[in-house]
Each structure stands twice: as structure tokens, then as C-alpha cells.
Amino acid sequence: MGTAQWGDAYGVTNAVGRLPDEELAAIVAVAHESGITEVDTARGYGDAERRLMPFASDFAVTTKVSGAGDVAGQVESAAATLGVESLHAVLVHDWDAIDCKGHGMSVLAFGELLNRGVIKRAGVSVYDLSGLESAVDTFDSAGVPLGALQVPANVLDRRLDASSLLTELSEGGTEVVVRSAFLQGLLLSTGGGLADHRDVVRFRSAVGDDGSLMEMCLSHVKALPWASHVVVGVTSGAQLREIARVWETCPPVLAPENLGSVDLDLIDPRRWK
């Protein structure tokens, strides 16, 4: 369960904005009844960590920090804000934006935090194969286990689908989490703005009037052989209940390869204007 919307108006299709307190309680209740045991947050999600604090002890918490700052200090501050003694995982949020020196300093800090038991897994959030490869090299060189990864994947973004490196890491025990399964909700939209992009329209046409956009999105990421988890953000308990229902019933089937897009201005949200 993602919490970006807990701290700010995250998401290109988010019409609700920063979620009210009563909606957070409803979302958590649905998470419990749906068997969701892990939650994803970040230091950069406004006050999401603070708002997660009353519920944090019920979940395995993954948070994200900036590799450009004091990593150990950020992690300790996150644990204090969340009211937990240890964190399930911590990821460098801006791995692709920092240099090799920043990579090395972050990983060394993670090594110390792992040894002290402050975190159980350390890793990175990356956008492409280049970022993934640099993370593997840096962690290997430092002798620190790469315990967690977060990567984008969906019916349009097929860049990592057949990654042998991700498969090797997953089989070796690395937790590989898929984000952007709905591309910030764009793939569930019926039109307007980026949802009118030719590649999104082609996806909707492939699903057809009788199909479910959500089912195809979830079936695809469910079928990725290296994925251990999928993180989804929602704006209501009802929305999370529907996602959980579809997840339970949809078969793991990769979407047709011809639905993939090579337009980075579409599949990489960092490029959105």
C-alpha cells in the first residue's frame, strides 16, 4: 500500500488531493481485511510518515530517503516519526540523480544501519536498467546486501520485463517491488490530457468495451517473474477494496508486447510537464 497521497496531492489523475484523516482510517481498515501487510512511504511525501505513525506498527514499513543528504540521520528520524524501532526496508529515492560518490556514501551508511538492526533491508528506487546496474555494482563493491528494489513496470513500460538481472536478484532473495502499475492512474483513465496519447488509446482499444483496464494492468504485473510485490496508491478505501478484489481474481498474464511504448515522455513521469 502506497502513501504518497497521504502527504500531498500526488498523482496526475488524483482529483481528491491530500487525503483527509477519516479516509486514511478507512484505507487502513480495508488493507487489514485484504491481507495487506506492507506499506510504502517516503521522507519526500510531505507529512505522510507522521500521518502513518498511528498505524505503522501494524505493517512492515518501507520508506525512502535522499542519497544526497545524511542517510543515517534521515533513517533514524523516519523511525522516530513513524514510532517504530526498526524499518522493514529503506531505499535511496534519488539514486539516478546522485553521483558515484553519493552512491558509495549511501550504501556505506546502509551497511552500518543494517549491522545495528535499525533496518532489515537496504536498497534503491530506480527508473531503468542503467540505474539498476549501478546499484548492483555499488552494493557488491561495498559488501552490503541489496535487499530491496523498487522499479517501474506496467503494460506500456516494458523496459525491464525480460530482465535477467532482476530475475537473478529476486531468486537470490532481493525484494523487488513494482511501482507505476497504473502509471499514476493514467492507464485507468478514459481520456483527457496524457490519457489521449496514442499509446494509451491503443491500450484502451486492446482491452475493449467489455474488458477491465484494471484487470489487464494487474494481470500484467502479477505475471512478471521477478516481482515479489506491487505497490498501489489509492484515494479511498473503496478504491483499495476494488484493487484487492481484482488482484485476487485476475490471472497472471503478460500483456501483448505490441502494447509497449518507447515514448519516455509518456512512460517516465519525471518527464511529464
C-alpha atoms as a PDB file:
ATOM      1  CA  MET A   1       0.000   0.000   0.000  1.00  0.00           C
ATOM      2  CA  GLY A   2       1.459   3.335  -1.071  1.00  0.00           C
ATOM      3  CA  THR A   3       1.105   6.543   0.922  1.00  0.00           C
ATOM      4  CA  ALA A   4       2.162   9.325  -1.459  1.00  0.00           C
ATOM      5  CA  GLN A   5      -1.396  10.731  -1.361  1.00  0.00           C
ATOM      6  CA  TRP A   6      -1.249  10.824   2.451  1.00  0.00           C
ATOM      7  CA  GLY A   7       1.198  13.723   2.388  1.00  0.00           C
ATOM      8  CA  ASP A   8       0.341  15.668  -0.765  1.00  0.00           C
ATOM      9  CA  ALA A   9      -1.840  15.711  -3.874  1.00  0.00           C
ATOM     10  CA  TYR A  10       0.234  13.072  -5.652  1.00  0.00           C
ATOM     11  CA  GLY A  11      -0.900  11.559  -8.943  1.00  0.00           C
ATOM     12  CA  VAL A  12      -1.751  13.036 -12.335  1.00  0.00           C
ATOM     13  CA  THR A  13      -5.327  11.703 -12.005  1.00  0.00           C
ATOM     14  CA  ASN A  14      -5.750  12.469  -8.297  1.00  0.00           C
ATOM     15  CA  ALA A  15      -8.852  14.664  -8.052  1.00  0.00           C
ATOM     16  CA  VAL A  16      -9.084  14.332  -4.257  1.00  0.00           C
ATOM     17  CA  GLY A  17      -5.783  15.896  -3.240  1.00  0.00           C
ATOM     18  CA  ARG A  18      -4.153  15.250   0.141  1.00  0.00           C
ATOM     19  CA  LEU A  19      -6.367  12.692   1.853  1.00  0.00           C
ATOM     20  CA  PRO A  20      -8.451  13.591   4.938  1.00  0.00           C
ATOM     21  CA  ASP A  21      -7.879  11.760   8.223  1.00  0.00           C
ATOM     22  CA  GLU A  22     -11.108   9.763   8.056  1.00  0.00           C
ATOM     23  CA  GLU A  23     -10.167   8.370   4.637  1.00  0.00           C
ATOM     24  CA  LEU A  24      -6.810   7.182   5.963  1.00  0.00           C
ATOM     25  CA  ALA A  25      -8.561   5.134   8.636  1.00  0.00           C
ATOM     26  CA  ALA A  26     -10.891   3.639   6.016  1.00  0.00           C
ATOM     27  CA  ILE A  27      -7.964   2.726   3.746  1.00  0.00           C
ATOM     28  CA  VAL A  28      -6.097   1.056   6.604  1.00  0.00           C
ATOM     29  CA  ALA A  29      -9.188  -0.923   7.564  1.00  0.00           C
ATOM     30  CA  VAL A  30      -9.513  -2.239   4.005  1.00  0.00           C
ATOM     31  CA  ALA A  31      -5.789  -3.033   3.930  1.00  0.00           C
ATOM     32  CA  HIS A  32      -6.190  -5.194   7.023  1.00  0.00           C
ATOM     33  CA  GLU A  33      -9.233  -7.046   5.692  1.00  0.00           C
ATOM     34  CA  SER A  34      -7.464  -7.577   2.352  1.00  0.00           C
ATOM     35  CA  GLY A  35      -4.343  -9.087   3.902  1.00  0.00           C
ATOM     36  CA  ILE A  36      -2.015  -6.223   3.007  1.00  0.00           C
ATOM     37  CA  THR A  37       0.906  -6.324   5.417  1.00  0.00           C
ATOM     38  CA  GLU A  38       3.436  -3.911   3.846  1.00  0.00           C
ATOM     39  CA  VAL A  39       3.271  -0.165   3.362  1.00  0.00           C
ATOM     40  CA  ASP A  40       5.431   2.166   1.277  1.00  0.00           C
ATOM     41  CA  THR A  41       6.191   5.771   2.217  1.00  0.00           C
ATOM     42  CA  ALA A  42       8.987   8.354   1.891  1.00  0.00           C
ATOM     43  CA  ARG A  43      10.589  11.310   3.582  1.00  0.00           C
ATOM     44  CA  GLY A  44       9.653  13.316   0.496  1.00  0.00           C
ATOM     45  CA  TYR A  45       5.914  12.612   0.713  1.00  0.00           C
ATOM     46  CA  GLY A  46       5.052  15.699   2.734  1.00  0.00           C
ATOM     47  CA  ASP A  47       3.896  14.618   6.200  1.00  0.00           C
ATOM     48  CA  ALA A  48       2.954  11.080   5.122  1.00  0.00           C
ATOM     49  CA  GLU A  49       5.272   9.431   7.657  1.00  0.00           C
ATOM     50  CA  ARG A  50       3.749  11.426  10.517  1.00  0.00           C
ATOM     51  CA  ARG A  51       0.222  10.530   9.406  1.00  0.00           C
ATOM     52  CA  LEU A  52       1.205   6.878   9.050  1.00  0.00           C
ATOM     53  CA  MET A  53       2.557   6.754  12.614  1.00  0.00           C
ATOM     54  CA  PRO A  54      -0.711   5.651  14.330  1.00  0.00           C
ATOM     55  CA  PHE A  55      -0.873   2.631  12.005  1.00  0.00           C
ATOM     56  CA  ALA A  56       2.814   1.919  11.372  1.00  0.00           C
ATOM     57  CA  SER A  57       3.207  -0.832  13.970  1.00  0.00           C
ATOM     58  CA  ASP A  58       0.604  -2.907  12.095  1.00  0.00           C
ATOM     59  CA  PHE A  59       2.700  -3.024   8.921  1.00  0.00           C
ATOM     60  CA  ALA A  60       6.176  -3.755   7.618  1.00  0.00           C
ATOM     61  CA  VAL A  61       7.218  -0.226   6.638  1.00  0.00           C
ATOM     62  CA  THR A  62       9.431   0.706   3.690  1.00  0.00           C
ATOM     63  CA  THR A  63      10.486   4.332   3.437  1.00  0.00           C
ATOM     64  CA  LYS A  64      12.725   6.245   1.059  1.00  0.00           C
ATOM     65  CA  VAL A  65      15.441   8.823   1.748  1.00  0.00           C
ATOM     66  CA  SER A  66      17.646  11.160  -0.257  1.00  0.00           C
ATOM     67  CA  GLY A  67      21.117   9.866  -1.051  1.00  0.00           C
ATOM     68  CA  ALA A  68      22.300  13.462  -1.310  1.00  0.00           C
ATOM     69  CA  GLY A  69      21.910  14.026   2.437  1.00  0.00           C
ATOM     70  CA  ASP A  70      22.719  12.420   5.789  1.00  0.00           C
ATOM     71  CA  VAL A  71      21.287   8.964   5.108  1.00  0.00           C
ATOM     72  CA  ALA A  72      21.712   7.612   8.639  1.00  0.00           C
ATOM     73  CA  GLY A  73      20.189  10.746  10.137  1.00  0.00           C
ATOM     74  CA  GLN A  74      17.208  10.595   7.779  1.00  0.00           C
ATOM     75  CA  VAL A  75      16.579   6.937   8.594  1.00  0.00           C
ATOM     76  CA  GLU A  76      16.738   7.497  12.334  1.00  0.00           C
ATOM     77  CA  SER A  77      14.415  10.495  12.005  1.00  0.00           C
ATOM     78  CA  ALA A  78      11.985   8.410   9.926  1.00  0.00           C
ATOM     79  CA  ALA A  79      11.903   5.637  12.521  1.00  0.00           C
ATOM     80  CA  ALA A  80      11.231   8.194  15.255  1.00  0.00           C
ATOM     81  CA  THR A  81       8.461   9.894  13.251  1.00  0.00           C
ATOM     82  CA  LEU A  82       6.844   6.538  12.492  1.00  0.00           C
ATOM     83  CA  GLY A  83       7.212   5.388  16.102  1.00  0.00           C
ATOM     84  CA  VAL A  84       8.933   2.109  15.217  1.00  0.00           C
ATOM     85  CA  GLU A  85      12.185   0.585  16.452  1.00  0.00           C
ATOM     86  CA  SER A  86      13.193  -0.772  13.061  1.00  0.00           C
ATOM     87  CA  LEU A  87      12.164  -0.399   9.436  1.00  0.00           C
ATOM     88  CA  HIS A  88      11.452  -3.265   7.058  1.00  0.00           C
ATOM     89  CA  ALA A  89      13.372  -1.531   4.252  1.00  0.00           C
ATOM     90  CA  VAL A  90      14.870   1.817   3.315  1.00  0.00           C
ATOM     91  CA  LEU A  91      15.542   2.860  -0.285  1.00  0.00           C
ATOM     92  CA  VAL A  92      17.528   5.706  -1.800  1.00  0.00           C
ATOM     93  CA  HIS A  93      14.819   7.688  -3.560  1.00  0.00           C
ATOM     94  CA  ASP A  94      17.043   9.764  -5.859  1.00  0.00           C
ATOM     95  CA  TRP A  95      19.633   7.155  -6.875  1.00  0.00           C
ATOM     96  CA  ASP A  96      19.514   8.217 -10.548  1.00  0.00           C
ATOM     97  CA  ALA A  97      20.118  11.857  -9.620  1.00  0.00           C
ATOM     98  CA  ILE A  98      23.229  11.480  -7.436  1.00  0.00           C
ATOM     99  CA  ASP A  99      26.800  10.717  -8.477  1.00  0.00           C
ATOM    100  CA  CYS A 100      29.059   7.749  -7.716  1.00  0.00           C
ATOM    101  CA  LYS A 101      30.336   9.370  -4.520  1.00  0.00           C
ATOM    102  CA  GLY A 102      26.748   9.767  -3.312  1.00  0.00           C
ATOM    103  CA  HIS A 103      26.049   6.142  -4.198  1.00  0.00           C
ATOM    104  CA  GLY A 104      29.008   4.932  -2.162  1.00  0.00           C
ATOM    105  CA  MET A 105      28.255   7.081   0.885  1.00  0.00           C
ATOM    106  CA  SER A 106      24.600   5.951   0.915  1.00  0.00           C
ATOM    107  CA  VAL A 107      25.498   2.264   0.742  1.00  0.00           C
ATOM    108  CA  LEU A 108      28.136   2.544   3.480  1.00  0.00           C
ATOM    109  CA  ALA A 109      25.540   4.232   5.712  1.00  0.00           C
ATOM    110  CA  PHE A 110      23.104   1.419   4.942  1.00  0.00           C
ATOM    111  CA  GLY A 111      25.729  -1.141   5.944  1.00  0.00           C
ATOM    112  CA  GLU A 112      26.045   0.455   9.378  1.00  0.00           C
ATOM    113  CA  LEU A 113      22.260   0.670   9.824  1.00  0.00           C
ATOM    114  CA  LEU A 114      21.865  -2.994   8.865  1.00  0.00           C
ATOM    115  CA  ASN A 115      24.519  -4.003  11.387  1.00  0.00           C
ATOM    116  CA  ARG A 116      22.750  -2.039  14.120  1.00  0.00           C
ATOM    117  CA  GLY A 117      19.366  -3.564  13.275  1.00  0.00           C
ATOM    118  CA  VAL A 118      17.766  -0.197  12.511  1.00  0.00           C
ATOM    119  CA  ILE A 119      16.761  -1.509   9.079  1.00  0.00           C
ATOM    120  CA  LYS A 120      16.201  -5.055   7.844  1.00  0.00           C
ATOM    121  CA  ARG A 121      16.741  -4.395   4.131  1.00  0.00           C
ATOM    122  CA  ALA A 122      18.517  -1.680   2.163  1.00  0.00           C
ATOM    123  CA  GLY A 123      18.114  -0.786  -1.464  1.00  0.00           C
ATOM    124  CA  VAL A 124      17.232   1.748  -4.125  1.00  0.00           C
ATOM    125  CA  SER A 125      14.392   3.070  -6.223  1.00  0.00           C
ATOM    126  CA  VAL A 126      15.463   3.211  -9.888  1.00  0.00           C
ATOM    127  CA  TYR A 127      13.910   4.071 -13.228  1.00  0.00           C
ATOM    128  CA  ASP A 128      15.794   1.950 -15.759  1.00  0.00           C
ATOM    129  CA  LEU A 129      18.422  -0.728 -16.379  1.00  0.00           C
ATOM    130  CA  SER A 130      21.307   1.728 -16.038  1.00  0.00           C
ATOM    131  CA  GLY A 131      20.249   2.702 -12.520  1.00  0.00           C
ATOM    132  CA  LEU A 132      19.699  -0.938 -11.616  1.00  0.00           C
ATOM    133  CA  GLU A 133      23.152  -1.974 -12.811  1.00  0.00           C
ATOM    134  CA  SER A 134      24.898   0.858 -10.955  1.00  0.00           C
ATOM    135  CA  ALA A 135      23.062  -0.114  -7.758  1.00  0.00           C
ATOM    136  CA  VAL A 136      24.125  -3.752  -8.055  1.00  0.00           C
ATOM    137  CA  ASP A 137      27.754  -2.753  -8.699  1.00  0.00           C
ATOM    138  CA  THR A 138      27.864  -0.300  -5.786  1.00  0.00           C
ATOM    139  CA  PHE A 139      26.295  -2.645  -3.243  1.00  0.00           C
ATOM    140  CA  ASP A 140      28.535  -5.523  -4.385  1.00  0.00           C
ATOM    141  CA  SER A 141      31.672  -3.362  -4.122  1.00  0.00           C
ATOM    142  CA  ALA A 142      30.724  -2.258  -0.599  1.00  0.00           C
ATOM    143  CA  GLY A 143      29.857  -5.792   0.519  1.00  0.00           C
ATOM    144  CA  VAL A 144      26.352  -4.668   1.522  1.00  0.00           C
ATOM    145  CA  PRO A 145      23.403  -6.908   0.560  1.00  0.00           C
ATOM    146  CA  LEU A 146      20.967  -5.329  -1.892  1.00  0.00           C
ATOM    147  CA  GLY A 147      17.822  -6.385  -0.085  1.00  0.00           C
ATOM    148  CA  ALA A 148      15.153  -4.274  -1.767  1.00  0.00           C
ATOM    149  CA  LEU A 149      14.469  -2.644  -5.112  1.00  0.00           C
ATOM    150  CA  GLN A 150      11.650  -0.567  -6.495  1.00  0.00           C
ATOM    151  CA  VAL A 151      11.261  -0.422 -10.283  1.00  0.00           C
ATOM    152  CA  PRO A 152       8.612   0.805 -12.730  1.00  0.00           C
ATOM    153  CA  ALA A 153       6.634  -1.652 -14.832  1.00  0.00           C
ATOM    154  CA  ASN A 154       3.233  -1.664 -16.486  1.00  0.00           C
ATOM    155  CA  VAL A 155       1.526  -2.620 -19.740  1.00  0.00           C
ATOM    156  CA  LEU A 156       3.201   0.323 -21.509  1.00  0.00           C
ATOM    157  CA  ASP A 157       6.584   0.370 -19.768  1.00  0.00           C
ATOM    158  CA  ARG A 158       8.159  -2.938 -20.794  1.00  0.00           C
ATOM    159  CA  ARG A 159      11.834  -1.983 -20.422  1.00  0.00           C
ATOM    160  CA  LEU A 160      12.534  -4.394 -17.537  1.00  0.00           C
ATOM    161  CA  ASP A 161      10.050  -7.172 -18.308  1.00  0.00           C
ATOM    162  CA  ALA A 162      12.675  -9.654 -19.507  1.00  0.00           C
ATOM    163  CA  SER A 163      15.497  -8.538 -17.207  1.00  0.00           C
ATOM    164  CA  SER A 164      17.706 -11.498 -16.347  1.00  0.00           C
ATOM    165  CA  LEU A 165      19.380  -9.329 -13.692  1.00  0.00           C
ATOM    166  CA  LEU A 166      16.085  -8.740 -11.871  1.00  0.00           C
ATOM    167  CA  THR A 167      15.323 -12.448 -12.069  1.00  0.00           C
ATOM    168  CA  GLU A 168      18.734 -13.291 -10.597  1.00  0.00           C
ATOM    169  CA  LEU A 169      18.293 -10.765  -7.787  1.00  0.00           C
ATOM    170  CA  SER A 170      14.776 -11.943  -6.985  1.00  0.00           C
ATOM    171  CA  GLU A 171      15.845 -15.581  -6.863  1.00  0.00           C
ATOM    172  CA  GLY A 172      18.696 -14.551  -4.567  1.00  0.00           C
ATOM    173  CA  GLY A 173      16.306 -13.029  -2.021  1.00  0.00           C
ATOM    174  CA  THR A 174      16.083  -9.386  -3.067  1.00  0.00           C
ATOM    175  CA  GLU A 175      12.587  -7.958  -2.608  1.00  0.00           C
ATOM    176  CA  VAL A 176      11.656  -6.483  -5.998  1.00  0.00           C
ATOM    177  CA  VAL A 177       8.680  -4.135  -5.816  1.00  0.00           C
ATOM    178  CA  VAL A 178       6.831  -2.903  -8.896  1.00  0.00           C
ATOM    179  CA  ARG A 179       5.574   0.667  -8.905  1.00  0.00           C
ATOM    180  CA  SER A 180       3.563   2.549 -11.561  1.00  0.00           C
ATOM    181  CA  ALA A 181       1.305  -0.423 -12.292  1.00  0.00           C
ATOM    182  CA  PHE A 182      -1.397   2.096 -13.279  1.00  0.00           C
ATOM    183  CA  LEU A 183       1.064   4.872 -14.288  1.00  0.00           C
ATOM    184  CA  GLN A 184      -0.358   7.208 -11.619  1.00  0.00           C
ATOM    185  CA  GLY A 185      -3.873   6.211 -12.671  1.00  0.00           C
ATOM    186  CA  LEU A 186      -3.336   7.227 -16.291  1.00  0.00           C
ATOM    187  CA  LEU A 187      -3.975   3.687 -17.521  1.00  0.00           C
ATOM    188  CA  LEU A 188      -7.360   3.610 -15.791  1.00  0.00           C
ATOM    189  CA  SER A 189      -8.476   6.936 -17.268  1.00  0.00           C
ATOM    190  CA  THR A 190     -10.956   7.092 -20.135  1.00  0.00           C
ATOM    191  CA  GLY A 191      -9.368  10.145 -21.753  1.00  0.00           C
ATOM    192  CA  GLY A 192      -8.079  13.681 -21.393  1.00  0.00           C
ATOM    193  CA  GLY A 193      -4.520  15.009 -21.240  1.00  0.00           C
ATOM    194  CA  LEU A 194      -1.885  12.301 -21.387  1.00  0.00           C
ATOM    195  CA  ALA A 195      -4.655   9.711 -21.473  1.00  0.00           C
ATOM    196  CA  ASP A 196      -5.203  10.791 -25.091  1.00  0.00           C
ATOM    197  CA  HIS A 197      -1.658   9.762 -26.047  1.00  0.00           C
ATOM    198  CA  ARG A 198      -1.785   7.319 -28.958  1.00  0.00           C
ATOM    199  CA  ASP A 199      -0.152   4.542 -26.897  1.00  0.00           C
ATOM    200  CA  VAL A 200      -2.667   4.884 -24.070  1.00  0.00           C
ATOM    201  CA  VAL A 201      -5.524   4.927 -26.572  1.00  0.00           C
ATOM    202  CA  ARG A 202      -4.106   1.756 -28.161  1.00  0.00           C
ATOM    203  CA  PHE A 203      -4.107   0.076 -24.748  1.00  0.00           C
ATOM    204  CA  ARG A 204      -7.737   1.038 -24.105  1.00  0.00           C
ATOM    205  CA  SER A 205      -8.715  -0.220 -27.546  1.00  0.00           C
ATOM    206  CA  ALA A 206      -6.989  -3.552 -26.883  1.00  0.00           C
ATOM    207  CA  VAL A 207      -8.960  -4.019 -23.677  1.00  0.00           C
ATOM    208  CA  GLY A 208     -12.234  -3.183 -25.442  1.00  0.00           C
ATOM    209  CA  ASP A 209     -15.597  -2.139 -24.097  1.00  0.00           C
ATOM    210  CA  ASP A 210     -16.195  -5.458 -22.358  1.00  0.00           C
ATOM    211  CA  GLY A 211     -12.801  -5.672 -20.657  1.00  0.00           C
ATOM    212  CA  SER A 212     -11.355  -4.238 -17.489  1.00  0.00           C
ATOM    213  CA  LEU A 213      -8.481  -1.772 -17.677  1.00  0.00           C
ATOM    214  CA  MET A 214      -7.588  -2.552 -14.076  1.00  0.00           C
ATOM    215  CA  GLU A 215      -7.621  -6.302 -14.650  1.00  0.00           C
ATOM    216  CA  MET A 216      -5.204  -6.123 -17.568  1.00  0.00           C
ATOM    217  CA  CYS A 217      -2.893  -3.796 -15.621  1.00  0.00           C
ATOM    218  CA  LEU A 218      -2.826  -6.073 -12.583  1.00  0.00           C
ATOM    219  CA  SER A 219      -2.659  -9.314 -14.567  1.00  0.00           C
ATOM    220  CA  HIS A 220       0.447  -7.994 -16.303  1.00  0.00           C
ATOM    221  CA  VAL A 221       2.436  -7.060 -13.212  1.00  0.00           C
ATOM    222  CA  LYS A 222       1.237 -10.204 -11.441  1.00  0.00           C
ATOM    223  CA  ALA A 223       2.860 -12.247 -14.226  1.00  0.00           C
ATOM    224  CA  LEU A 224       6.299 -10.601 -14.036  1.00  0.00           C
ATOM    225  CA  PRO A 225       8.556 -13.480 -12.919  1.00  0.00           C
ATOM    226  CA  TRP A 226      10.878 -11.358 -10.792  1.00  0.00           C
ATOM    227  CA  ALA A 227       8.265  -9.236  -8.964  1.00  0.00           C
ATOM    228  CA  SER A 228       7.705 -10.032  -5.294  1.00  0.00           C
ATOM    229  CA  HIS A 229       5.338  -7.135  -4.539  1.00  0.00           C
ATOM    230  CA  VAL A 230       3.316  -4.436  -6.276  1.00  0.00           C
ATOM    231  CA  VAL A 231       2.775  -1.058  -4.614  1.00  0.00           C
ATOM    232  CA  VAL A 232      -0.503   0.765  -5.276  1.00  0.00           C
ATOM    233  CA  GLY A 233      -1.644   4.155  -4.084  1.00  0.00           C
ATOM    234  CA  VAL A 234      -5.330   4.943  -3.593  1.00  0.00           C
ATOM    235  CA  THR A 235      -7.546   7.852  -2.637  1.00  0.00           C
ATOM    236  CA  SER A 236     -10.254   5.867  -0.839  1.00  0.00           C
ATOM    237  CA  GLY A 237     -10.952   2.635   0.969  1.00  0.00           C
ATOM    238  CA  ALA A 238     -13.427   1.674  -1.752  1.00  0.00           C
ATOM    239  CA  GLN A 239     -10.710   2.069  -4.379  1.00  0.00           C
ATOM    240  CA  LEU A 240      -8.322  -0.173  -2.454  1.00  0.00           C
ATOM    241  CA  ARG A 241     -11.061  -2.781  -1.943  1.00  0.00           C
ATOM    242  CA  GLU A 242     -11.679  -2.911  -5.703  1.00  0.00           C
ATOM    243  CA  ILE A 243      -7.961  -3.260  -6.467  1.00  0.00           C
ATOM    244  CA  ALA A 244      -7.654  -6.058  -3.910  1.00  0.00           C
ATOM    245  CA  ARG A 245     -10.703  -7.823  -5.360  1.00  0.00           C
ATOM    246  CA  VAL A 246      -9.341  -7.696  -8.904  1.00  0.00           C
ATOM    247  CA  TRP A 247      -5.892  -8.777  -7.746  1.00  0.00           C
ATOM    248  CA  GLU A 248      -7.319 -11.870  -6.081  1.00  0.00           C
ATOM    249  CA  THR A 249      -9.292 -12.945  -9.133  1.00  0.00           C
ATOM    250  CA  CYS A 250      -7.170 -11.888 -12.124  1.00  0.00           C
ATOM    251  CA  PRO A 251      -4.872 -14.453 -13.780  1.00  0.00           C
ATOM    252  CA  PRO A 252      -1.144 -13.721 -14.151  1.00  0.00           C
ATOM    253  CA  VAL A 253      -0.905 -12.904 -17.867  1.00  0.00           C
ATOM    254  CA  LEU A 254       1.613 -10.604 -19.532  1.00  0.00           C
ATOM    255  CA  ALA A 255       0.008  -8.014 -21.794  1.00  0.00           C
ATOM    256  CA  PRO A 256       0.747  -8.280 -25.535  1.00  0.00           C
ATOM    257  CA  GLU A 257       4.205  -6.946 -26.351  1.00  0.00           C
ATOM    258  CA  ASN A 258       2.825  -4.645 -29.044  1.00  0.00           C
ATOM    259  CA  LEU A 259       1.175  -2.551 -26.323  1.00  0.00           C
ATOM    260  CA  GLY A 260       4.576  -1.422 -25.062  1.00  0.00           C
ATOM    261  CA  SER A 261       5.571   2.201 -25.566  1.00  0.00           C
ATOM    262  CA  VAL A 262       9.032   3.565 -26.355  1.00  0.00           C
ATOM    263  CA  ASP A 263       7.996   7.163 -25.653  1.00  0.00           C
ATOM    264  CA  LEU A 264       9.882   8.114 -22.497  1.00  0.00           C
ATOM    265  CA  ASP A 265       7.894  11.358 -22.313  1.00  0.00           C
ATOM    266  CA  LEU A 266       4.891   9.137 -21.582  1.00  0.00           C
ATOM    267  CA  ILE A 267       6.207   6.216 -19.523  1.00  0.00           C
ATOM    268  CA  ASP A 268       8.651   8.219 -17.353  1.00  0.00           C
ATOM    269  CA  PRO A 269       6.662  10.580 -15.060  1.00  0.00           C
ATOM    270  CA  ARG A 270       9.792  12.660 -14.436  1.00  0.00           C
ATOM    271  CA  ARG A 271       9.373  13.983 -17.988  1.00  0.00           C
ATOM    272  CA  TRP A 272       5.737  14.994 -17.630  1.00  0.00           C
ATOM    273  CA  LYS A 273       5.039  18.705 -17.986  1.00  0.00           C
END
